[in-house]
PDB file of N, CA and C in Angstrom:
ATOM      1  N   MET A   1    -254.705  24.397 121.488  1.00  0.00           N
ATOM      2  CA  MET A   1    -253.710  24.681 120.803  1.00  0.00           C
ATOM      3  C   MET A   1    -252.104  24.055 121.279  1.00  0.00           C
ATOM      4  N   SER A   2    -251.259  23.431 120.435  1.00  0.00           N
ATOM      5  CA  SER A   2    -249.962  23.057 121.288  1.00  0.00           C
ATOM      6  C   SER A   2    -249.054  24.562 121.354  1.00  0.00           C
ATOM      7  N   LYS A   3    -248.430  24.095 122.282  1.00  0.00           N
ATOM      8  CA  LYS A   3    -247.324  25.198 123.267  1.00  0.00           C
ATOM      9  C   LYS A   3    -246.281  25.255 121.373  1.00  0.00           C
ATOM     10  N   ALA A   4    -245.994  24.319 120.431  1.00  0.00           N
ATOM     11  CA  ALA A   4    -245.295  24.950 119.741  1.00  0.00           C
ATOM     12  C   ALA A   4    -246.152  25.730 118.251  1.00  0.00           C
ATOM     13  N   ALA A   5    -247.416  25.916 118.650  1.00  0.00           N
ATOM     14  CA  ALA A   5    -248.394  26.942 117.421  1.00  0.00           C
ATOM     15  C   ALA A   5    -247.884  28.268 117.685  1.00  0.00           C
ATOM     16  N   HIS A   6    -247.519  28.158 119.297  1.00  0.00           N
ATOM     17  CA  HIS A   6    -246.452  29.991 120.122  1.00  0.00           C
ATOM     18  C   HIS A   6    -245.248  29.922 120.196  1.00  0.00           C
ATOM     19  N   ALA A   7    -244.728  30.170 119.146  1.00  0.00           N
ATOM     20  CA  ALA A   7    -243.108  30.115 119.668  1.00  0.00           C
ATOM     21  C   ALA A   7    -243.120  31.542 119.962  1.00  0.00           C
ATOM     22  N   SER A   8    -242.249  31.700 121.446  1.00  0.00           N
ATOM     23  CA  SER A   8    -241.857  32.415 121.776  1.00  0.00           C
ATOM     24  C   SER A   8    -240.802  33.729 121.422  1.00  0.00           C
ATOM     25  N   PRO A   9    -241.081  34.951 121.083  1.00  0.00           N
ATOM     26  CA  PRO A   9    -239.594  35.661 120.257  1.00  0.00           C
ATOM     27  C   PRO A   9    -238.478  35.185 120.690  1.00  0.00           C
ATOM     28  N   ASP A  10    -238.568  35.490 122.284  1.00  0.00           N
ATOM     29  CA  ASP A  10    -237.044  35.252 122.959  1.00  0.00           C
ATOM     30  C   ASP A  10    -236.614  33.734 122.515  1.00  0.00           C
ATOM     31  N   SER A  11    -237.473  32.913 122.514  1.00  0.00           N
ATOM     32  CA  SER A  11    -237.014  31.361 122.217  1.00  0.00           C
ATOM     33  C   SER A  11    -236.260  31.616 120.479  1.00  0.00           C
ATOM     34  N   VAL A  12    -237.206  32.132 120.105  1.00  0.00           N
ATOM     35  CA  VAL A  12    -236.617  31.967 118.551  1.00  0.00           C
ATOM     36  C   VAL A  12    -235.134  32.783 118.154  1.00  0.00           C
ATOM     37  N   ARG A  13    -234.822  33.987 118.868  1.00  0.00           N
ATOM     38  CA  ARG A  13    -233.446  34.539 119.322  1.00  0.00           C
ATOM     39  C   ARG A  13    -232.748  33.869 119.413  1.00  0.00           C
ATOM     40  N   PHE A  14    -233.126  33.185 120.669  1.00  0.00           N
ATOM     41  CA  PHE A  14    -232.049  32.363 121.418  1.00  0.00           C
ATOM     42  C   PHE A  14    -231.408  30.986 120.365  1.00  0.00           C
ATOM     43  N   GLY A  15    -232.675  30.670 119.625  1.00  0.00           N
ATOM     44  CA  GLY A  15    -232.710  29.094 118.718  1.00  0.00           C
ATOM     45  C   GLY A  15    -231.699  29.945 117.792  1.00  0.00           C
ATOM     46  N   LEU A  16    -232.070  31.307 117.020  1.00  0.00           N
ATOM     47  CA  LEU A  16    -230.991  31.224 116.058  1.00  0.00           C
ATOM     48  C   LEU A  16    -229.299  31.941 116.520  1.00  0.00           C
ATOM     49  N   ILE A  17    -229.502  32.353 117.271  1.00  0.00           N
ATOM     50  CA  ILE A  17    -227.974  32.025 118.392  1.00  0.00           C
ATOM     51  C   ILE A  17    -227.771  31.448 118.310  1.00  0.00           C
ATOM     52  N   LEU A  18    -228.150  29.804 118.629  1.00  0.00           N
ATOM     53  CA  LEU A  18    -227.560  28.508 119.060  1.00  0.00           C
ATOM     54  C   LEU A  18    -226.908  28.100 117.816  1.00  0.00           C
ATOM     55  N   ARG A  19    -228.030  28.185 116.624  1.00  0.00           N
ATOM     56  CA  ARG A  19    -227.778  27.813 115.648  1.00  0.00           C
ATOM     57  C   ARG A  19    -226.336  28.642 114.901  1.00  0.00           C
ATOM     58  N   ARG A  20    -226.253  29.820 115.081  1.00  0.00           N
ATOM     59  CA  ARG A  20    -225.023  30.481 114.883  1.00  0.00           C
ATOM     60  C   ARG A  20    -224.134  30.070 115.312  1.00  0.00           C
ATOM     61  N   GLU A  21    -224.099  29.971 116.500  1.00  0.00           N
ATOM     62  CA  GLU A  21    -222.769  29.024 117.387  1.00  0.00           C
ATOM     63  C   GLU A  21    -222.478  27.909 116.729  1.00  0.00           C
ATOM     64  N   ARG A  22    -223.456  27.010 116.743  1.00  0.00           N
ATOM     65  CA  ARG A  22    -223.241  25.308 116.272  1.00  0.00           C
ATOM     66  C   ARG A  22    -222.559  25.761 115.007  1.00  0.00           C
ATOM     67  N   GLN A  23    -223.141  26.738 113.685  1.00  0.00           N
ATOM     68  CA  GLN A  23    -222.682  26.552 112.514  1.00  0.00           C
ATOM     69  C   GLN A  23    -221.105  27.168 112.603  1.00  0.00           C
ATOM     70  N   ALA A  24    -221.088  28.022 113.461  1.00  0.00           N
ATOM     71  CA  ALA A  24    -219.505  28.435 113.172  1.00  0.00           C
ATOM     72  C   ALA A  24    -218.269  27.757 113.307  1.00  0.00           C
ATOM     73  N   ARG A  25    -218.680  26.418 114.517  1.00  0.00           N
ATOM     74  CA  ARG A  25    -217.758  25.488 114.729  1.00  0.00           C
ATOM     75  C   ARG A  25    -217.907  24.381 113.775  1.00  0.00           C
ATOM     76  N   GLY A  26    -218.861  24.955 112.877  1.00  0.00           N
ATOM     77  CA  GLY A  26    -218.923  23.776 111.816  1.00  0.00           C
ATOM     78  C   GLY A  26    -219.220  22.290 112.400  1.00  0.00           C
ATOM     79  N   TRP A  27    -220.080  22.619 113.313  1.00  0.00           N
ATOM     80  CA  TRP A  27    -220.757  21.042 114.060  1.00  0.00           C
ATOM     81  C   TRP A  27    -222.558  20.727 113.640  1.00  0.00           C
ATOM     82  N   THR A  28    -222.703  19.722 113.242  1.00  0.00           N
ATOM     83  CA  THR A  28    -224.076  19.532 112.616  1.00  0.00           C
ATOM     84  C   THR A  28    -224.820  19.492 114.522  1.00  0.00           C
ATOM     85  N   LEU A  29    -226.012  19.495 114.268  1.00  0.00           N
ATOM     86  CA  LEU A  29    -227.035  19.347 115.177  1.00  0.00           C
ATOM     87  C   LEU A  29    -226.542  17.603 116.322  1.00  0.00           C
ATOM     88  N   ARG A  30    -226.336  16.703 115.564  1.00  0.00           N
ATOM     89  CA  ARG A  30    -226.122  15.403 116.102  1.00  0.00           C
ATOM     90  C   ARG A  30    -224.661  15.723 116.795  1.00  0.00           C
ATOM     91  N   LYS A  31    -223.289  16.148 116.219  1.00  0.00           N
ATOM     92  CA  LYS A  31    -222.292  16.308 116.873  1.00  0.00           C
ATOM     93  C   LYS A  31    -222.240  17.029 118.177  1.00  0.00           C
ATOM     94  N   LEU A  32    -223.056  18.602 118.548  1.00  0.00           N
ATOM     95  CA  LEU A  32    -223.548  19.079 119.194  1.00  0.00           C
ATOM     96  C   LEU A  32    -224.029  18.410 120.592  1.00  0.00           C
ATOM     97  N   ALA A  33    -225.385  17.396 119.874  1.00  0.00           N
ATOM     98  CA  ALA A  33    -226.215  16.596 120.767  1.00  0.00           C
ATOM     99  C   ALA A  33    -225.237  15.743 121.375  1.00  0.00           C
ATOM    100  N   GLN A  34    -224.541  15.524 120.918  1.00  0.00           N
ATOM    101  CA  GLN A  34    -223.147  14.367 121.325  1.00  0.00           C
ATOM    102  C   GLN A  34    -222.507  14.768 122.442  1.00  0.00           C
ATOM    103  N   ARG A  35    -221.678  15.795 121.522  1.00  0.00           N
ATOM    104  CA  ARG A  35    -221.081  16.142 122.799  1.00  0.00           C
ATOM    105  C   ARG A  35    -221.830  17.030 123.837  1.00  0.00           C
ATOM    106  N   ALA A  36    -223.135  17.312 124.013  1.00  0.00           N
ATOM    107  CA  ALA A  36    -223.629  17.931 125.264  1.00  0.00           C
ATOM    108  C   ALA A  36    -224.509  17.062 125.865  1.00  0.00           C
ATOM    109  N   GLY A  37    -224.589  15.551 125.229  1.00  0.00           N
ATOM    110  CA  GLY A  37    -224.918  14.709 126.188  1.00  0.00           C
ATOM    111  C   GLY A  37    -226.728  14.752 125.788  1.00  0.00           C
ATOM    112  N   MET A  38    -226.786  15.713 124.599  1.00  0.00           N
ATOM    113  CA  MET A  38    -228.307  15.618 124.785  1.00  0.00           C
ATOM    114  C   MET A  38    -229.199  15.074 123.054  1.00  0.00           C
ATOM    115  N   ASN A  39    -230.345  15.022 123.437  1.00  0.00           N
ATOM    116  CA  ASN A  39    -231.188  14.691 121.958  1.00  0.00           C
ATOM    117  C   ASN A  39    -230.442  15.884 120.880  1.00  0.00           C
ATOM    118  N   ALA A  40    -230.450  15.255 119.761  1.00  0.00           N
ATOM    119  CA  ALA A  40    -230.495  16.303 118.425  1.00  0.00           C
ATOM    120  C   ALA A  40    -231.601  16.686 118.122  1.00  0.00           C
ATOM    121  N   GLN A  41    -233.233  15.640 118.461  1.00  0.00           N
ATOM    122  CA  GLN A  41    -234.279  16.112 117.619  1.00  0.00           C
ATOM    123  C   GLN A  41    -234.168  17.335 118.259  1.00  0.00           C
ATOM    124  N   TYR A  42    -234.227  17.126 119.860  1.00  0.00           N
ATOM    125  CA  TYR A  42    -234.743  18.078 120.705  1.00  0.00           C
ATOM    126  C   TYR A  42    -233.557  19.347 120.665  1.00  0.00           C
ATOM    127  N   LEU A  43    -233.062  19.606 120.275  1.00  0.00           N
ATOM    128  CA  LEU A  43    -231.633  20.773 120.097  1.00  0.00           C
ATOM    129  C   LEU A  43    -232.414  21.212 118.608  1.00  0.00           C
ATOM    130  N   GLY A  44    -232.913  20.253 117.415  1.00  0.00           N
ATOM    131  CA  GLY A  44    -233.460  21.240 116.657  1.00  0.00           C
ATOM    132  C   GLY A  44    -234.333  22.156 116.647  1.00  0.00           C
ATOM    133  N   VAL A  45    -235.197  21.219 118.029  1.00  0.00           N
ATOM    134  CA  VAL A  45    -236.463  22.086 118.161  1.00  0.00           C
ATOM    135  C   VAL A  45    -236.255  23.188 118.559  1.00  0.00           C
ATOM    136  N   VAL A  46    -234.663  23.517 119.598  1.00  0.00           N
ATOM    137  CA  VAL A  46    -234.447  24.609 120.191  1.00  0.00           C
ATOM    138  C   VAL A  46    -234.249  25.621 119.404  1.00  0.00           C
ATOM    139  N   GLU A  47    -233.423  25.303 118.361  1.00  0.00           N
ATOM    140  CA  GLU A  47    -232.870  26.433 117.319  1.00  0.00           C
ATOM    141  C   GLU A  47    -234.168  26.664 116.459  1.00  0.00           C
ATOM    142  N   ALA A  48    -235.158  25.964 116.236  1.00  0.00           N
ATOM    143  CA  ALA A  48    -236.287  26.470 115.485  1.00  0.00           C
ATOM    144  C   ALA A  48    -237.212  27.606 116.876  1.00  0.00           C
ATOM    145  N   GLY A  49    -236.519  27.590 117.926  1.00  0.00           N
ATOM    146  CA  GLY A  49    -237.353  28.422 118.532  1.00  0.00           C
ATOM    147  C   GLY A  49    -239.098  27.687 119.495  1.00  0.00           C
ATOM    148  N   LEU A  50    -238.963  26.656 119.235  1.00  0.00           N
ATOM    149  CA  LEU A  50    -240.331  26.215 119.607  1.00  0.00           C
ATOM    150  C   LEU A  50    -240.093  25.465 120.957  1.00  0.00           C
ATOM    151  N   ASN A  51    -238.964  25.827 121.508  1.00  0.00           N
ATOM    152  CA  ASN A  51    -239.273  25.519 123.172  1.00  0.00           C
ATOM    153  C   ASN A  51    -238.155  26.278 123.491  1.00  0.00           C
ATOM    154  N   THR A  52    -238.535  26.570 124.800  1.00  0.00           N
ATOM    155  CA  THR A  52    -237.391  27.318 125.495  1.00  0.00           C
ATOM    156  C   THR A  52    -236.708  26.638 126.382  1.00  0.00           C
ATOM    157  N   PRO A  53    -235.580  26.824 126.317  1.00  0.00           N
ATOM    158  CA  PRO A  53    -234.406  25.782 127.303  1.00  0.00           C
ATOM    159  C   PRO A  53    -234.393  26.049 128.604  1.00  0.00           C
ATOM    160  N   SER A  54    -234.023  25.803 129.419  1.00  0.00           N
ATOM    161  CA  SER A  54    -233.658  25.442 131.106  1.00  0.00           C
ATOM    162  C   SER A  54    -232.394  26.492 130.622  1.00  0.00           C
ATOM    163  N   LEU A  55    -232.237  26.808 132.029  1.00  0.00           N
ATOM    164  CA  LEU A  55    -230.693  27.578 132.431  1.00  0.00           C
ATOM    165  C   LEU A  55    -230.386  26.637 132.134  1.00  0.00           C
ATOM    166  N   TYR A  56    -230.406  25.499 132.792  1.00  0.00           N
ATOM    167  CA  TYR A  56    -229.412  24.314 133.260  1.00  0.00           C
ATOM    168  C   TYR A  56    -228.861  23.945 131.365  1.00  0.00           C
ATOM    169  N   THR A  57    -229.823  23.777 130.718  1.00  0.00           N
ATOM    170  CA  THR A  57    -229.574  23.391 129.330  1.00  0.00           C
ATOM    171  C   THR A  57    -228.771  24.722 128.120  1.00  0.00           C
ATOM    172  N   ILE A  58    -229.106  26.280 128.957  1.00  0.00           N
ATOM    173  CA  ILE A  58    -228.193  26.844 127.985  1.00  0.00           C
ATOM    174  C   ILE A  58    -226.991  27.349 128.368  1.00  0.00           C
ATOM    175  N   LEU A  59    -226.619  26.770 129.977  1.00  0.00           N
ATOM    176  CA  LEU A  59    -225.087  26.560 130.592  1.00  0.00           C
ATOM    177  C   LEU A  59    -224.777  25.474 129.961  1.00  0.00           C
ATOM    178  N   GLU A  60    -225.379  24.541 129.933  1.00  0.00           N
ATOM    179  CA  GLU A  60    -224.353  23.477 129.003  1.00  0.00           C
ATOM    180  C   GLU A  60    -224.032  23.612 127.905  1.00  0.00           C
ATOM    181  N   LEU A  61    -224.934  24.118 126.916  1.00  0.00           N
ATOM    182  CA  LEU A  61    -224.663  24.330 125.167  1.00  0.00           C
ATOM    183  C   LEU A  61    -223.571  25.478 125.340  1.00  0.00           C
ATOM    184  N   ALA A  62    -223.597  26.587 125.989  1.00  0.00           N
ATOM    185  CA  ALA A  62    -222.253  27.355 125.906  1.00  0.00           C
ATOM    186  C   ALA A  62    -221.537  26.743 126.404  1.00  0.00           C
ATOM    187  N   GLU A  63    -221.155  26.215 126.870  1.00  0.00           N
ATOM    188  CA  GLU A  63    -219.625  25.433 127.974  1.00  0.00           C
ATOM    189  C   GLU A  63    -219.791  24.575 126.307  1.00  0.00           C
ATOM    190  N   VAL A  64    -220.433  23.744 125.899  1.00  0.00           N
ATOM    191  CA  VAL A  64    -219.953  22.551 125.173  1.00  0.00           C
ATOM    192  C   VAL A  64    -219.457  23.292 124.023  1.00  0.00           C
ATOM    193  N   LEU A  65    -220.169  24.797 123.752  1.00  0.00           N
ATOM    194  CA  LEU A  65    -219.527  25.286 122.202  1.00  0.00           C
ATOM    195  C   LEU A  65    -218.429  25.912 122.455  1.00  0.00           C
ATOM    196  N   GLY A  66    -218.400  26.575 123.994  1.00  0.00           N
ATOM    197  CA  GLY A  66    -216.920  27.132 124.161  1.00  0.00           C
ATOM    198  C   GLY A  66    -217.639  28.830 123.978  1.00  0.00           C
ATOM    199  N   ALA A  67    -218.714  29.081 124.049  1.00  0.00           N
ATOM    200  CA  ALA A  67    -219.358  30.450 123.951  1.00  0.00           C
ATOM    201  C   ALA A  67    -219.756  30.975 125.065  1.00  0.00           C
ATOM    202  N   ASP A  68    -220.008  32.103 125.337  1.00  0.00           N
ATOM    203  CA  ASP A  68    -220.402  33.056 126.681  1.00  0.00           C
ATOM    204  C   ASP A  68    -221.683  32.789 126.660  1.00  0.00           C
ATOM    205  N   ALA A  69    -222.533  32.210 127.863  1.00  0.00           N
ATOM    206  CA  ALA A  69    -223.840  32.670 127.668  1.00  0.00           C
ATOM    207  C   ALA A  69    -224.272  33.585 128.123  1.00  0.00           C
ATOM    208  N   ALA A  70    -223.716  34.469 128.728  1.00  0.00           N
ATOM    209  CA  ALA A  70    -224.016  35.942 129.401  1.00  0.00           C
ATOM    210  C   ALA A  70    -224.252  36.455 127.746  1.00  0.00           C
ATOM    211  N   GLU A  71    -223.200  36.470 127.501  1.00  0.00           N
ATOM    212  CA  GLU A  71    -223.132  36.824 125.626  1.00  0.00           C
ATOM    213  C   GLU A  71    -224.398  36.540 125.063  1.00  0.00           C
ATOM    214  N   MET A  72    -224.992  35.019 124.940  1.00  0.00           N
ATOM    215  CA  MET A  72    -225.987  34.754 124.265  1.00  0.00           C
ATOM    216  C   MET A  72    -227.160  34.933 124.741  1.00  0.00           C
ATOM    217  N   ILE A  73    -227.797  35.541 126.020  1.00  0.00           N
ATOM    218  CA  ILE A  73    -228.524  35.736 126.593  1.00  0.00           C
ATOM    219  C   ILE A  73    -228.704  37.320 126.020  1.00  0.00           C
ATOM    220  N   ARG A  74    -227.408  37.763 126.788  1.00  0.00           N
ATOM    221  CA  ARG A  74    -227.406  40.017 126.164  1.00  0.00           C
ATOM    222  C   ARG A  74    -227.712  39.981 124.936  1.00  0.00           C
ATOM    223  N   GLU A  75    -227.631  38.745 123.637  1.00  0.00           N
ATOM    224  CA  GLU A  75    -227.877  39.586 122.931  1.00  0.00           C
ATOM    225  C   GLU A  75    -229.199  39.084 122.345  1.00  0.00           C
ATOM    226  N   CYS A  76    -229.699  38.280 123.154  1.00  0.00           N
ATOM    227  CA  CYS A  76    -231.467  38.335 123.092  1.00  0.00           C
ATOM    228  C   CYS A  76    -231.877  39.177 123.704  1.00  0.00           C
ATOM    229  N   ALA A  77    -231.689  39.548 125.140  1.00  0.00           N
ATOM    230  CA  ALA A  77    -232.232  40.924 125.499  1.00  0.00           C
ATOM    231  C   ALA A  77    -232.160  42.276 124.912  1.00  0.00           C
ATOM    232  N   ILE A  78    -231.287  42.650 124.131  1.00  0.00           N
ATOM    233  CA  ILE A  78    -230.693  43.889 123.406  1.00  0.00           C
ATOM    234  C   ILE A  78    -231.805  43.451 122.285  1.00  0.00           C
ATOM    235  N   ALA A  79    -231.933  42.642 121.711  1.00  0.00           N
ATOM    236  CA  ALA A  79    -232.816  41.854 120.061  1.00  0.00           C
ATOM    237  C   ALA A  79    -234.297  42.304 120.875  1.00  0.00           C
ATOM    238  N   ARG A  80    -234.668  41.994 122.025  1.00  0.00           N
ATOM    239  CA  ARG A  80    -236.119  42.665 122.815  1.00  0.00           C
ATOM    240  C   ARG A  80    -236.044  44.060 123.008  1.00  0.00           C
ATOM    241  N   ARG A  81    -235.316  44.998 123.342  1.00  0.00           N
ATOM    242  CA  ARG A  81    -235.306  46.149 123.315  1.00  0.00           C
ATOM    243  C   ARG A  81    -235.331  46.544 122.120  1.00  0.00           C
ATOM    244  N   THR A  82    -235.062  46.372 120.794  1.00  0.00           N
ATOM    245  CA  THR A  82    -234.975  46.720 119.872  1.00  0.00           C
ATOM    246  C   THR A  82    -235.539  46.960 119.027  1.00  0.00           C
ATOM    247  N   PRO A  83    -236.642  48.007 118.070  1.00  0.00           N
ATOM    248  CA  PRO A  83    -237.315  47.650 117.674  1.00  0.00           C
ATOM    249  C   PRO A  83    -237.396  47.236 116.603  1.00  0.00           C
ATOM    250  N   PRO A  84    -238.221  46.680 115.878  1.00  0.00           N
ATOM    251  CA  PRO A  84    -238.217  45.819 114.436  1.00  0.00           C
ATOM    252  C   PRO A  84    -237.828  46.736 113.324  1.00  0.00           C
ATOM    253  N   VAL A  85    -236.756  46.721 112.362  1.00  0.00           N
ATOM    254  CA  VAL A  85    -236.969  47.186 111.436  1.00  0.00           C
ATOM    255  C   VAL A  85    -237.756  47.301 110.513  1.00  0.00           C
ATOM    256  N   LYS A  86    -238.267  48.798 109.731  1.00  0.00           N
ATOM    257  CA  LYS A  86    -239.538  47.930 108.944  1.00  0.00           C
ATOM    258  C   LYS A  86    -238.929  48.489 107.589  1.00  0.00           C
ATOM    259  N   PRO A  87    -239.323  47.854 106.899  1.00  0.00           N
ATOM    260  CA  PRO A  87    -238.750  47.253 105.776  1.00  0.00           C
ATOM    261  C   PRO A  87    -239.123  49.011 104.550  1.00  0.00           C
ATOM    262  N   ALA A  88    -238.232  49.274 104.009  1.00  0.00           N
ATOM    263  CA  ALA A  88    -238.185  50.783 103.096  1.00  0.00           C
ATOM    264  C   ALA A  88    -239.205  50.432 101.710  1.00  0.00           C
ATOM    265  N   GLU A  89    -239.401  52.281 101.683  1.00  0.00           N
ATOM    266  CA  GLU A  89    -240.784  52.007 100.549  1.00  0.00           C
ATOM    267  C   GLU A  89    -239.902  52.110  99.354  1.00  0.00           C
ATOM    268  N   SER A  90    -240.581  51.340  98.692  1.00  0.00           N
ATOM    269  CA  SER A  90    -239.782  51.571  97.203  1.00  0.00           C
ATOM    270  C   SER A  90    -239.749  53.211  96.653  1.00  0.00           C
ATOM    271  N   THR A  91    -238.932  53.596  96.082  1.00  0.00           N
ATOM    272  CA  THR A  91    -239.307  54.392  95.486  1.00  0.00           C
ATOM    273  C   THR A  91    -239.127  54.576  93.970  1.00  0.00           C
ATOM    274  N   PRO A  92    -240.323  54.926  93.324  1.00  0.00           N
ATOM    275  CA  PRO A  92    -240.026  54.563  91.889  1.00  0.00           C
ATOM    276  C   PRO A  92    -239.291  55.300  91.566  1.00  0.00           C
ATOM    277  N   VAL A  93    -238.645  54.336  90.366  1.00  0.00           N
ATOM    278  CA  VAL A  93    -236.969  54.666  89.127  1.00  0.00           C
ATOM    279  C   VAL A  93    -237.090  55.587  88.509  1.00  0.00           C
ATOM    280  N   ALA A  94    -237.010  56.942  87.813  1.00  0.00           N
ATOM    281  CA  ALA A  94    -237.382  57.358  86.548  1.00  0.00           C
ATOM    282  C   ALA A  94    -236.625  56.778  85.612  1.00  0.00           C
ATOM    283  N   THR A  95    -237.080  56.279  85.064  1.00  0.00           N
ATOM    284  CA  THR A  95    -236.769  55.573  83.099  1.00  0.00           C
ATOM    285  C   THR A  95    -236.091  57.091  82.020  1.00  0.00           C
ATOM    286  N   ALA A  96    -235.759  56.463  81.392  1.00  0.00           N
ATOM    287  CA  ALA A  96    -234.958  57.727  79.942  1.00  0.00           C
ATOM    288  C   ALA A  96    -235.937  57.465  79.376  1.00  0.00           C
TER     289      ALA A  96
END
C-alpha cells in the first residue's frame, strides 16, 4: 500500500495548521509555492496531510509565511496530547 494511504495524524494536523496560516494571509498554494521556491502540488499534498515535511521545509514555510515555526509544532504537540472530543449524545426533545 502507498504511503499516502496511511496519513499520519501528526501530518494531518500540521497540514491543517499550514493551510490556516496560508489562508490567513489570503495566499493561494501557488503564491506560497512561488515565495518558498517549492512546488504547489507538493504543498497541496503537505496540506492534505499526505506527506510529512522535513524540518528544513517546515522552517522555510514558516519563514516565508512570517509564522512562528515553534508555535506551529507546539500546536501539533498539544493536539497529540489532547484526547479527541466525543460527540454529545442526543437528548430527546420533549414535544408539547
